[in-house]
Amino acid sequence: MTRRHFATAFGKQGFRDMDWDFEQTSAALRYKLLVGLVVPRPIALITSISESGVVNAAPFSFFNVLGDDPPILIVSVEDRDSGGPKDTTRNIVRTGEFVVNLVDEAIVSQMHGCSEDYPPEVSEVDMVGFTTAPSRAVAPPRIAQAPVALECKLHTKLDMPGRHLFIGQVAWLHAREGIVDPQTQRVRFDNYQPVGRMFANRYVRTGDQFEVDSNSYNERRKALGKI
């Protein structure tokens, strides 16, 4: 097979494969493929504070938890299409603090509205009708309507061409009453309906969940003397 940005081949099972050489693939196509295939992704609705005190809210789905000890998460914030950092980037760099508000079905429309490009002096919180609540460990407030909020202090910033990666250390976690069982500390998914990002303006519900029985694999491990 010649080295091209795109090629097709038949795999071992006879299925037709499609391949892209990312070193020779345009950034636009790489984005389309990655956001369309690596799904669903959790959504970080980040609140931060500008130098003039404006509360900024913006959603990002290049986001996930990285570990629990220390409790860290990562958010990738791209630059504006016109060039230059977004408000979220400027605010986090200046203050070293931000809040990741998680998104459920009840606030998905307002979250999507926060993705509009408002000028820095305009608060997306006000534009979409959110209200805020004080944080405990950082200055930026959390969104009161969000089911879960993670107050973060900047741990590490990594700069890449046109993009900035922020690793935040979680200092405080809020969960709406009823989401976490106070006795077992387990999440009650009947009271928590987070949404995931697909691509563009497409999202997915997480209500259709199932369990996988691993007993058959354990039997095989036993037969091999592994357990």
C-alpha atoms as a PDB file:
ATOM      1  CA  MET A   1       0.000   0.000   0.000  1.00  0.00           C
ATOM      2  CA  THR A   2       1.431   3.349  -0.949  1.00  0.00           C
ATOM      3  CA  ARG A   3       1.689   6.027   1.739  1.00  0.00           C
ATOM      4  CA  ARG A   4      -1.252   8.356   1.187  1.00  0.00           C
ATOM      5  CA  HIS A   5      -3.390  10.509   3.388  1.00  0.00           C
ATOM      6  CA  PHE A   6      -6.246   8.055   2.807  1.00  0.00           C
ATOM      7  CA  ALA A   7      -6.275   4.392   1.880  1.00  0.00           C
ATOM      8  CA  THR A   8      -8.551   1.356   1.991  1.00  0.00           C
ATOM      9  CA  ALA A   9      -7.666  -2.219   2.790  1.00  0.00           C
ATOM     10  CA  PHE A  10      -9.256  -5.477   3.845  1.00  0.00           C
ATOM     11  CA  GLY A  11      -8.552  -6.594   7.394  1.00  0.00           C
ATOM     12  CA  LYS A  12      -8.001 -10.122   8.631  1.00  0.00           C
ATOM     13  CA  GLN A  13     -11.730 -10.740   8.973  1.00  0.00           C
ATOM     14  CA  GLY A  14     -12.456  -9.559   5.448  1.00  0.00           C
ATOM     15  CA  PHE A  15     -13.924  -6.253   6.534  1.00  0.00           C
ATOM     16  CA  ARG A  16     -13.099  -3.249   4.444  1.00  0.00           C
ATOM     17  CA  ASP A  17     -10.908  -0.802   6.400  1.00  0.00           C
ATOM     18  CA  MET A  18     -10.352   2.888   5.771  1.00  0.00           C
ATOM     19  CA  ASP A  19      -7.104   4.505   6.899  1.00  0.00           C
ATOM     20  CA  TRP A  20      -5.807   8.055   7.131  1.00  0.00           C
ATOM     21  CA  ASP A  21      -2.177   9.108   7.423  1.00  0.00           C
ATOM     22  CA  PHE A  22      -2.582  11.977   9.878  1.00  0.00           C
ATOM     23  CA  GLU A  23       0.759  13.496   8.927  1.00  0.00           C
ATOM     24  CA  GLN A  24      -0.706  14.121   5.488  1.00  0.00           C
ATOM     25  CA  THR A  25      -4.292  14.852   6.519  1.00  0.00           C
ATOM     26  CA  SER A  26      -5.619  18.395   6.841  1.00  0.00           C
ATOM     27  CA  ALA A  27      -6.421  19.754  10.290  1.00  0.00           C
ATOM     28  CA  ALA A  28     -10.067  20.188   9.282  1.00  0.00           C
ATOM     29  CA  LEU A  29     -10.413  16.542   8.303  1.00  0.00           C
ATOM     30  CA  ARG A  30      -8.546  15.337  11.396  1.00  0.00           C
ATOM     31  CA  TYR A  31     -10.994  17.305  13.524  1.00  0.00           C
ATOM     32  CA  LYS A  32     -13.999  15.896  11.676  1.00  0.00           C
ATOM     33  CA  LEU A  33     -12.812  12.321  12.101  1.00  0.00           C
ATOM     34  CA  LEU A  34     -11.740  12.597  15.732  1.00  0.00           C
ATOM     35  CA  VAL A  35     -14.838  14.357  17.055  1.00  0.00           C
ATOM     36  CA  GLY A  36     -17.110  12.091  15.033  1.00  0.00           C
ATOM     37  CA  LEU A  37     -15.479   8.822  16.079  1.00  0.00           C
ATOM     38  CA  VAL A  38     -14.270   9.391  19.652  1.00  0.00           C
ATOM     39  CA  VAL A  39     -17.744   9.654  21.147  1.00  0.00           C
ATOM     40  CA  PRO A  40     -19.478  10.316  23.397  1.00  0.00           C
ATOM     41  CA  ARG A  41     -17.308  12.803  25.245  1.00  0.00           C
ATOM     42  CA  PRO A  42     -18.122  14.404  28.607  1.00  0.00           C
ATOM     43  CA  ILE A  43     -18.725  18.135  28.579  1.00  0.00           C
ATOM     44  CA  ALA A  44     -16.893  20.648  30.737  1.00  0.00           C
ATOM     45  CA  LEU A  45     -18.921  23.833  31.058  1.00  0.00           C
ATOM     46  CA  ILE A  46     -16.164  26.028  32.452  1.00  0.00           C
ATOM     47  CA  THR A  47     -16.775  29.138  34.483  1.00  0.00           C
ATOM     48  CA  SER A  48     -13.948  31.629  34.945  1.00  0.00           C
ATOM     49  CA  ILE A  49     -13.601  35.306  35.846  1.00  0.00           C
ATOM     50  CA  SER A  50     -12.230  38.089  33.676  1.00  0.00           C
ATOM     51  CA  GLU A  51      -9.984  40.864  34.938  1.00  0.00           C
ATOM     52  CA  SER A  52     -13.009  43.166  35.104  1.00  0.00           C
ATOM     53  CA  GLY A  53     -15.044  40.628  37.070  1.00  0.00           C
ATOM     54  CA  VAL A  54     -17.212  39.239  34.262  1.00  0.00           C
ATOM     55  CA  VAL A  55     -18.152  35.577  34.740  1.00  0.00           C
ATOM     56  CA  ASN A  56     -17.412  33.655  31.549  1.00  0.00           C
ATOM     57  CA  ALA A  57     -19.032  30.299  30.790  1.00  0.00           C
ATOM     58  CA  ALA A  58     -17.954  28.121  27.867  1.00  0.00           C
ATOM     59  CA  PRO A  59     -18.373  24.410  27.034  1.00  0.00           C
ATOM     60  CA  PHE A  60     -15.524  22.123  25.958  1.00  0.00           C
ATOM     61  CA  SER A  61     -15.707  18.425  25.113  1.00  0.00           C
ATOM     62  CA  PHE A  62     -11.989  17.773  24.730  1.00  0.00           C
ATOM     63  CA  PHE A  63     -12.122  16.998  28.433  1.00  0.00           C
ATOM     64  CA  ASN A  64     -11.848  14.161  30.921  1.00  0.00           C
ATOM     65  CA  VAL A  65     -10.650  13.088  34.365  1.00  0.00           C
ATOM     66  CA  LEU A  66      -7.014  11.976  34.500  1.00  0.00           C
ATOM     67  CA  GLY A  67      -6.669  10.576  37.996  1.00  0.00           C
ATOM     68  CA  ASP A  68      -7.840  10.565  41.585  1.00  0.00           C
ATOM     69  CA  ASP A  69      -4.592  10.901  43.563  1.00  0.00           C
ATOM     70  CA  PRO A  70      -3.993  13.694  42.987  1.00  0.00           C
ATOM     71  CA  PRO A  71      -7.511  14.428  41.679  1.00  0.00           C
ATOM     72  CA  ILE A  72      -6.790  15.962  38.282  1.00  0.00           C
ATOM     73  CA  LEU A  73      -8.637  16.589  35.059  1.00  0.00           C
ATOM     74  CA  ILE A  74      -7.675  17.978  31.667  1.00  0.00           C
ATOM     75  CA  VAL A  75      -9.407  20.458  29.383  1.00  0.00           C
ATOM     76  CA  SER A  76      -8.248  21.421  25.915  1.00  0.00           C
ATOM     77  CA  VAL A  77      -9.131  24.957  24.817  1.00  0.00           C
ATOM     78  CA  GLU A  78      -8.507  25.926  21.214  1.00  0.00           C
ATOM     79  CA  ASP A  79      -7.735  29.466  20.093  1.00  0.00           C
ATOM     80  CA  ARG A  80     -10.300  31.594  18.300  1.00  0.00           C
ATOM     81  CA  ASP A  81     -10.767  30.994  14.576  1.00  0.00           C
ATOM     82  CA  SER A  82      -9.606  34.547  14.051  1.00  0.00           C
ATOM     83  CA  GLY A  83      -6.506  33.878  16.138  1.00  0.00           C
ATOM     84  CA  GLY A  84      -5.638  34.643  19.740  1.00  0.00           C
ATOM     85  CA  PRO A  85      -6.764  33.021  22.986  1.00  0.00           C
ATOM     86  CA  LYS A  86     -10.367  32.639  24.045  1.00  0.00           C
ATOM     87  CA  ASP A  87     -11.723  34.298  27.175  1.00  0.00           C
ATOM     88  CA  THR A  88     -11.468  31.008  29.077  1.00  0.00           C
ATOM     89  CA  THR A  89      -7.757  30.716  28.305  1.00  0.00           C
ATOM     90  CA  ARG A  90      -6.993  34.293  29.305  1.00  0.00           C
ATOM     91  CA  ASN A  91      -8.953  33.970  32.525  1.00  0.00           C
ATOM     92  CA  ILE A  92      -7.378  30.686  33.626  1.00  0.00           C
ATOM     93  CA  VAL A  93      -3.874  31.900  32.824  1.00  0.00           C
ATOM     94  CA  ARG A  94      -4.425  35.098  34.782  1.00  0.00           C
ATOM     95  CA  THR A  95      -6.119  33.615  37.864  1.00  0.00           C
ATOM     96  CA  GLY A  96      -5.025  29.971  37.909  1.00  0.00           C
ATOM     97  CA  GLU A  97      -8.584  28.990  38.849  1.00  0.00           C
ATOM     98  CA  PHE A  98     -11.707  27.666  37.118  1.00  0.00           C
ATOM     99  CA  VAL A  99     -14.786  25.551  37.741  1.00  0.00           C
ATOM    100  CA  VAL A 100     -15.851  22.588  35.618  1.00  0.00           C
ATOM    101  CA  ASN A 101     -19.637  22.356  35.671  1.00  0.00           C
ATOM    102  CA  LEU A 102     -20.989  19.063  34.352  1.00  0.00           C
ATOM    103  CA  VAL A 103     -24.018  19.017  32.101  1.00  0.00           C
ATOM    104  CA  ASP A 104     -27.255  17.070  32.356  1.00  0.00           C
ATOM    105  CA  GLU A 105     -30.340  16.961  30.169  1.00  0.00           C
ATOM    106  CA  ALA A 106     -32.016  19.813  32.042  1.00  0.00           C
ATOM    107  CA  ILE A 107     -29.358  22.383  31.092  1.00  0.00           C
ATOM    108  CA  VAL A 108     -28.091  21.090  27.740  1.00  0.00           C
ATOM    109  CA  SER A 109     -29.816  23.854  25.748  1.00  0.00           C
ATOM    110  CA  GLN A 110     -28.362  26.602  27.947  1.00  0.00           C
ATOM    111  CA  MET A 111     -24.934  24.946  27.791  1.00  0.00           C
ATOM    112  CA  HIS A 112     -25.086  24.941  24.000  1.00  0.00           C
ATOM    113  CA  GLY A 113     -26.044  28.619  24.083  1.00  0.00           C
ATOM    114  CA  CYS A 114     -22.841  29.356  25.980  1.00  0.00           C
ATOM    115  CA  SER A 115     -20.853  28.238  22.926  1.00  0.00           C
ATOM    116  CA  GLU A 116     -21.854  31.389  21.055  1.00  0.00           C
ATOM    117  CA  ASP A 117     -19.101  33.956  20.546  1.00  0.00           C
ATOM    118  CA  TYR A 118     -19.944  36.810  22.900  1.00  0.00           C
ATOM    119  CA  PRO A 119     -17.605  39.763  23.533  1.00  0.00           C
ATOM    120  CA  PRO A 120     -15.500  39.588  26.722  1.00  0.00           C
ATOM    121  CA  GLU A 121     -17.617  42.163  28.547  1.00  0.00           C
ATOM    122  CA  VAL A 122     -20.768  40.001  28.140  1.00  0.00           C
ATOM    123  CA  SER A 123     -21.430  37.117  30.521  1.00  0.00           C
ATOM    124  CA  GLU A 124     -22.773  33.949  28.912  1.00  0.00           C
ATOM    125  CA  VAL A 125     -24.291  33.125  32.295  1.00  0.00           C
ATOM    126  CA  ASP A 126     -26.597  36.118  31.990  1.00  0.00           C
ATOM    127  CA  MET A 127     -27.312  35.583  28.291  1.00  0.00           C
ATOM    128  CA  VAL A 128     -28.647  32.032  28.715  1.00  0.00           C
ATOM    129  CA  GLY A 129     -30.371  32.556  32.067  1.00  0.00           C
ATOM    130  CA  PHE A 130     -28.052  30.665  34.371  1.00  0.00           C
ATOM    131  CA  THR A 131     -27.543  31.732  37.970  1.00  0.00           C
ATOM    132  CA  THR A 132     -24.347  31.274  39.952  1.00  0.00           C
ATOM    133  CA  ALA A 133     -23.477  30.053  43.421  1.00  0.00           C
ATOM    134  CA  PRO A 134     -20.304  30.845  45.355  1.00  0.00           C
ATOM    135  CA  SER A 135     -17.440  28.398  45.168  1.00  0.00           C
ATOM    136  CA  ARG A 136     -15.670  27.224  48.311  1.00  0.00           C
ATOM    137  CA  ALA A 137     -12.011  27.027  47.255  1.00  0.00           C
ATOM    138  CA  VAL A 138     -11.723  29.251  44.165  1.00  0.00           C
ATOM    139  CA  ALA A 139     -12.952  32.672  43.099  1.00  0.00           C
ATOM    140  CA  PRO A 140     -14.942  31.721  39.969  1.00  0.00           C
ATOM    141  CA  PRO A 141     -18.512  30.772  40.900  1.00  0.00           C
ATOM    142  CA  ARG A 142     -20.182  27.541  39.913  1.00  0.00           C
ATOM    143  CA  ILE A 143     -23.402  27.312  37.928  1.00  0.00           C
ATOM    144  CA  ALA A 144     -26.260  26.694  40.344  1.00  0.00           C
ATOM    145  CA  GLN A 145     -28.282  24.675  37.821  1.00  0.00           C
ATOM    146  CA  ALA A 146     -25.410  22.259  37.089  1.00  0.00           C
ATOM    147  CA  PRO A 147     -25.801  18.835  38.714  1.00  0.00           C
ATOM    148  CA  VAL A 148     -22.090  18.596  39.544  1.00  0.00           C
ATOM    149  CA  ALA A 149     -19.315  21.159  39.796  1.00  0.00           C
ATOM    150  CA  LEU A 150     -15.588  20.661  40.296  1.00  0.00           C
ATOM    151  CA  GLU A 151     -13.615  23.605  41.611  1.00  0.00           C
ATOM    152  CA  CYS A 152     -10.131  23.498  40.111  1.00  0.00           C
ATOM    153  CA  LYS A 153      -6.773  25.124  40.628  1.00  0.00           C
ATOM    154  CA  LEU A 154      -4.403  25.141  37.683  1.00  0.00           C
ATOM    155  CA  HIS A 155      -1.793  22.411  38.035  1.00  0.00           C
ATOM    156  CA  THR A 156      -0.109  22.475  34.616  1.00  0.00           C
ATOM    157  CA  LYS A 157      -0.525  24.385  31.356  1.00  0.00           C
ATOM    158  CA  LEU A 158       0.712  22.936  28.082  1.00  0.00           C
ATOM    159  CA  ASP A 159       0.784  25.111  24.984  1.00  0.00           C
ATOM    160  CA  MET A 160       0.392  23.644  21.518  1.00  0.00           C
ATOM    161  CA  PRO A 161      -0.096  25.379  18.169  1.00  0.00           C
ATOM    162  CA  GLY A 162      -3.560  26.916  18.317  1.00  0.00           C
ATOM    163  CA  ARG A 163      -4.500  25.070  21.509  1.00  0.00           C
ATOM    164  CA  HIS A 164      -3.858  25.108  25.257  1.00  0.00           C
ATOM    165  CA  LEU A 165      -4.134  22.130  27.600  1.00  0.00           C
ATOM    166  CA  PHE A 166      -5.074  22.884  31.196  1.00  0.00           C
ATOM    167  CA  ILE A 167      -4.567  20.254  33.871  1.00  0.00           C
ATOM    168  CA  GLY A 168      -6.616  21.245  36.880  1.00  0.00           C
ATOM    169  CA  GLN A 169      -6.401  19.818  40.374  1.00  0.00           C
ATOM    170  CA  VAL A 170      -9.840  19.430  41.914  1.00  0.00           C
ATOM    171  CA  ALA A 171     -10.027  21.256  45.230  1.00  0.00           C
ATOM    172  CA  TRP A 172     -13.743  20.921  45.932  1.00  0.00           C
ATOM    173  CA  LEU A 173     -16.634  18.939  44.487  1.00  0.00           C
ATOM    174  CA  HIS A 174     -20.327  19.775  44.593  1.00  0.00           C
ATOM    175  CA  ALA A 175     -23.159  17.410  43.707  1.00  0.00           C
ATOM    176  CA  ARG A 176     -26.850  18.178  43.776  1.00  0.00           C
ATOM    177  CA  GLU A 177     -28.687  16.525  46.653  1.00  0.00           C
ATOM    178  CA  GLY A 178     -29.901  13.074  45.665  1.00  0.00           C
ATOM    179  CA  ILE A 179     -27.144  12.331  43.149  1.00  0.00           C
ATOM    180  CA  VAL A 180     -24.758  10.697  45.643  1.00  0.00           C
ATOM    181  CA  ASP A 181     -26.095   8.257  48.223  1.00  0.00           C
ATOM    182  CA  PRO A 182     -25.051   9.675  51.622  1.00  0.00           C
ATOM    183  CA  GLN A 183     -24.547   6.198  53.093  1.00  0.00           C
ATOM    184  CA  THR A 184     -22.747   4.306  50.311  1.00  0.00           C
ATOM    185  CA  GLN A 185     -21.233   7.383  48.569  1.00  0.00           C
ATOM    186  CA  ARG A 186     -22.257   5.819  45.257  1.00  0.00           C
ATOM    187  CA  VAL A 187     -23.826   7.765  42.432  1.00  0.00           C
ATOM    188  CA  ARG A 188     -27.568   7.316  41.986  1.00  0.00           C
ATOM    189  CA  PHE A 189     -27.897   7.283  38.222  1.00  0.00           C
ATOM    190  CA  ASP A 190     -31.673   7.415  38.442  1.00  0.00           C
ATOM    191  CA  ASN A 191     -31.130  10.965  39.755  1.00  0.00           C
ATOM    192  CA  TYR A 192     -28.275  11.891  37.427  1.00  0.00           C
ATOM    193  CA  GLN A 193     -28.749  12.198  33.661  1.00  0.00           C
ATOM    194  CA  PRO A 194     -25.517  13.578  32.206  1.00  0.00           C
ATOM    195  CA  VAL A 195     -25.259  14.146  28.481  1.00  0.00           C
ATOM    196  CA  GLY A 196     -22.340  13.439  26.183  1.00  0.00           C
ATOM    197  CA  ARG A 197     -21.128  15.359  23.159  1.00  0.00           C
ATOM    198  CA  MET A 198     -21.190  13.712  19.766  1.00  0.00           C
ATOM    199  CA  PHE A 199     -20.294  16.373  17.193  1.00  0.00           C
ATOM    200  CA  ALA A 200     -21.592  19.747  15.971  1.00  0.00           C
ATOM    201  CA  ASN A 201     -24.927  20.245  17.774  1.00  0.00           C
ATOM    202  CA  ARG A 202     -25.515  16.535  18.393  1.00  0.00           C
ATOM    203  CA  TYR A 203     -25.560  15.122  21.912  1.00  0.00           C
ATOM    204  CA  VAL A 204     -26.389  11.790  23.517  1.00  0.00           C
ATOM    205  CA  ARG A 205     -28.330  10.794  26.616  1.00  0.00           C
ATOM    206  CA  THR A 206     -26.825   8.346  29.094  1.00  0.00           C
ATOM    207  CA  GLY A 207     -30.040   6.843  30.409  1.00  0.00           C
ATOM    208  CA  ASP A 208     -29.699   3.618  28.417  1.00  0.00           C
ATOM    209  CA  GLN A 209     -27.100   1.801  30.504  1.00  0.00           C
ATOM    210  CA  PHE A 210     -26.244  -1.885  30.849  1.00  0.00           C
ATOM    211  CA  GLU A 211     -23.918  -4.170  32.759  1.00  0.00           C
ATOM    212  CA  VAL A 212     -21.461  -6.694  31.326  1.00  0.00           C
ATOM    213  CA  ASP A 213     -21.137 -10.088  32.967  1.00  0.00           C
ATOM    214  CA  SER A 214     -17.489 -11.083  33.255  1.00  0.00           C
ATOM    215  CA  ASN A 215     -18.087 -14.463  34.854  1.00  0.00           C
ATOM    216  CA  SER A 216     -17.316 -16.377  31.670  1.00  0.00           C
ATOM    217  CA  TYR A 217     -13.924 -14.686  31.421  1.00  0.00           C
ATOM    218  CA  ASN A 218     -13.189 -15.424  35.076  1.00  0.00           C
ATOM    219  CA  GLU A 219     -13.862 -19.086  34.411  1.00  0.00           C
ATOM    220  CA  ARG A 220     -11.287 -19.028  31.628  1.00  0.00           C
ATOM    221  CA  ARG A 221      -8.777 -17.328  33.915  1.00  0.00           C
ATOM    222  CA  LYS A 222      -9.375 -19.963  36.554  1.00  0.00           C
ATOM    223  CA  ALA A 223      -8.758 -22.682  33.982  1.00  0.00           C
ATOM    224  CA  LEU A 224      -5.438 -21.042  33.151  1.00  0.00           C
ATOM    225  CA  GLY A 225      -4.536 -20.756  36.806  1.00  0.00           C
ATOM    226  CA  LYS A 226      -4.562 -16.953  36.709  1.00  0.00           C
ATOM    227  CA  ILE A 227      -6.901 -16.543  39.686  1.00  0.00           C
END
